[in-house]
Amino acid sequence: MKKILLCIVAALFMCSALLLSCTKSEDAETEKGAIDQMTDKAAKEMADRITVPLEKARNAKDLVEKNYSDMEENLKNQ
């Protein structure tokens, strides 16, 4: 009788341990969210590092073109 009771308790323990190990952990989702946040932040920083110099170059080009067109107009008016 003791052996049967011991086997039943052991089986219940193993089944409960198996069920608990198969459930989703919310900690893993939190870490994934943190990793995604870090990835998004790094991607935004890299995009800014690329686009800011491009915008500055475009602005400089526009300024040079404006100055060139102003100089042409001044030469035509003289």
C-alpha atoms as a PDB file:
ATOM      1  CA  MET A   1       0.000   0.000   0.000  1.00  0.00           C
ATOM      2  CA  LYS A   2       2.825   2.394   0.840  1.00  0.00           C
ATOM      3  CA  LYS A   3       4.491   1.717  -2.518  1.00  0.00           C
ATOM      4  CA  ILE A   4       1.321   2.508  -4.447  1.00  0.00           C
ATOM      5  CA  LEU A   5       0.761   5.710  -2.478  1.00  0.00           C
ATOM      6  CA  LEU A   6       4.403   6.706  -2.994  1.00  0.00           C
ATOM      7  CA  CYS A   7       4.143   6.052  -6.748  1.00  0.00           C
ATOM      8  CA  ILE A   8       0.950   8.124  -6.986  1.00  0.00           C
ATOM      9  CA  VAL A   9       2.552  11.052  -5.130  1.00  0.00           C
ATOM     10  CA  ALA A  10       5.683  10.816  -7.284  1.00  0.00           C
ATOM     11  CA  ALA A  11       3.575  10.728 -10.468  1.00  0.00           C
ATOM     12  CA  LEU A  12       1.562  13.763  -9.341  1.00  0.00           C
ATOM     13  CA  PHE A  13       4.764  15.623  -8.531  1.00  0.00           C
ATOM     14  CA  MET A  14       6.279  14.825 -11.927  1.00  0.00           C
ATOM     15  CA  CYS A  15       3.096  15.813 -13.777  1.00  0.00           C
ATOM     16  CA  SER A  16       2.860  19.118 -11.935  1.00  0.00           C
ATOM     17  CA  ALA A  17       6.546  19.830 -12.603  1.00  0.00           C
ATOM     18  CA  LEU A  18       5.998  19.049 -16.287  1.00  0.00           C
ATOM     19  CA  LEU A  19       2.987  21.374 -16.508  1.00  0.00           C
ATOM     20  CA  LEU A  20       4.809  24.202 -14.770  1.00  0.00           C
ATOM     21  CA  SER A  21       7.814  23.900 -17.049  1.00  0.00           C
ATOM     22  CA  CYS A  22       5.659  24.078 -20.185  1.00  0.00           C
ATOM     23  CA  THR A  23       3.824  27.285 -19.292  1.00  0.00           C
ATOM     24  CA  LYS A  24       4.932  30.563 -20.862  1.00  0.00           C
ATOM     25  CA  SER A  25       7.062  32.786 -18.769  1.00  0.00           C
ATOM     26  CA  GLU A  26       6.168  36.480 -18.859  1.00  0.00           C
ATOM     27  CA  ASP A  27       9.793  37.305 -18.072  1.00  0.00           C
ATOM     28  CA  ALA A  28      10.837  36.034 -21.489  1.00  0.00           C
ATOM     29  CA  GLU A  29       8.320  38.351 -23.167  1.00  0.00           C
ATOM     30  CA  THR A  30       9.594  41.287 -21.128  1.00  0.00           C
ATOM     31  CA  GLU A  31      13.171  40.589 -22.174  1.00  0.00           C
ATOM     32  CA  LYS A  32      12.082  40.315 -25.801  1.00  0.00           C
ATOM     33  CA  GLY A  33      10.345  43.659 -25.496  1.00  0.00           C
ATOM     34  CA  ALA A  34      13.468  45.189 -24.011  1.00  0.00           C
ATOM     35  CA  ILE A  35      15.585  43.779 -26.827  1.00  0.00           C
ATOM     36  CA  ASP A  36      13.135  45.113 -29.407  1.00  0.00           C
ATOM     37  CA  GLN A  37      13.224  48.529 -27.737  1.00  0.00           C
ATOM     38  CA  MET A  38      17.024  48.573 -27.797  1.00  0.00           C
ATOM     39  CA  THR A  39      17.031  47.490 -31.448  1.00  0.00           C
ATOM     40  CA  ASP A  40      14.535  50.212 -32.394  1.00  0.00           C
ATOM     41  CA  LYS A  41      16.537  52.831 -30.526  1.00  0.00           C
ATOM     42  CA  ALA A  42      19.786  51.771 -32.213  1.00  0.00           C
ATOM     43  CA  ALA A  43      18.099  51.768 -35.632  1.00  0.00           C
ATOM     44  CA  LYS A  44      16.714  55.265 -35.062  1.00  0.00           C
ATOM     45  CA  GLU A  45      20.121  56.560 -33.980  1.00  0.00           C
ATOM     46  CA  MET A  46      21.773  55.082 -37.067  1.00  0.00           C
ATOM     47  CA  ALA A  47      19.080  56.503 -39.332  1.00  0.00           C
ATOM     48  CA  ASP A  48      19.599  59.925 -37.760  1.00  0.00           C
ATOM     49  CA  ARG A  49      23.348  59.638 -38.224  1.00  0.00           C
ATOM     50  CA  ILE A  50      22.775  59.007 -41.911  1.00  0.00           C
ATOM     51  CA  THR A  51      19.954  61.454 -42.628  1.00  0.00           C
ATOM     52  CA  VAL A  52      21.289  64.488 -40.729  1.00  0.00           C
ATOM     53  CA  PRO A  53      24.443  64.855 -42.882  1.00  0.00           C
ATOM     54  CA  LEU A  54      22.363  64.268 -46.024  1.00  0.00           C
ATOM     55  CA  GLU A  55      19.948  67.028 -45.014  1.00  0.00           C
ATOM     56  CA  LYS A  56      22.854  69.365 -44.279  1.00  0.00           C
ATOM     57  CA  ALA A  57      24.357  68.608 -47.687  1.00  0.00           C
ATOM     58  CA  ARG A  58      21.027  69.270 -49.402  1.00  0.00           C
ATOM     59  CA  ASN A  59      20.648  72.565 -47.550  1.00  0.00           C
ATOM     60  CA  ALA A  60      24.184  73.590 -48.531  1.00  0.00           C
ATOM     61  CA  LYS A  61      23.485  72.662 -52.162  1.00  0.00           C
ATOM     62  CA  ASP A  62      20.265  74.712 -52.148  1.00  0.00           C
ATOM     63  CA  LEU A  63      22.098  77.675 -50.668  1.00  0.00           C
ATOM     64  CA  VAL A  64      24.842  77.485 -53.305  1.00  0.00           C
ATOM     65  CA  GLU A  65      22.265  77.229 -56.085  1.00  0.00           C
ATOM     66  CA  LYS A  66      20.362  80.213 -54.701  1.00  0.00           C
ATOM     67  CA  ASN A  67      23.554  82.259 -54.498  1.00  0.00           C
ATOM     68  CA  TYR A  68      24.484  81.221 -58.041  1.00  0.00           C
ATOM     69  CA  SER A  69      21.065  82.224 -59.398  1.00  0.00           C
ATOM     70  CA  ASP A  70      21.270  85.558 -57.542  1.00  0.00           C
ATOM     71  CA  MET A  71      24.700  86.200 -59.068  1.00  0.00           C
ATOM     72  CA  GLU A  72      23.373  85.407 -62.554  1.00  0.00           C
ATOM     73  CA  GLU A  73      20.462  87.799 -62.075  1.00  0.00           C
ATOM     74  CA  ASN A  74      22.836  90.549 -60.901  1.00  0.00           C
ATOM     75  CA  LEU A  75      25.049  90.020 -63.958  1.00  0.00           C
ATOM     76  CA  LYS A  76      22.034  90.187 -66.306  1.00  0.00           C
ATOM     77  CA  ASN A  77      20.787  93.390 -64.657  1.00  0.00           C
ATOM     78  CA  GLN A  78      24.128  95.168 -65.055  1.00  0.00           C
END
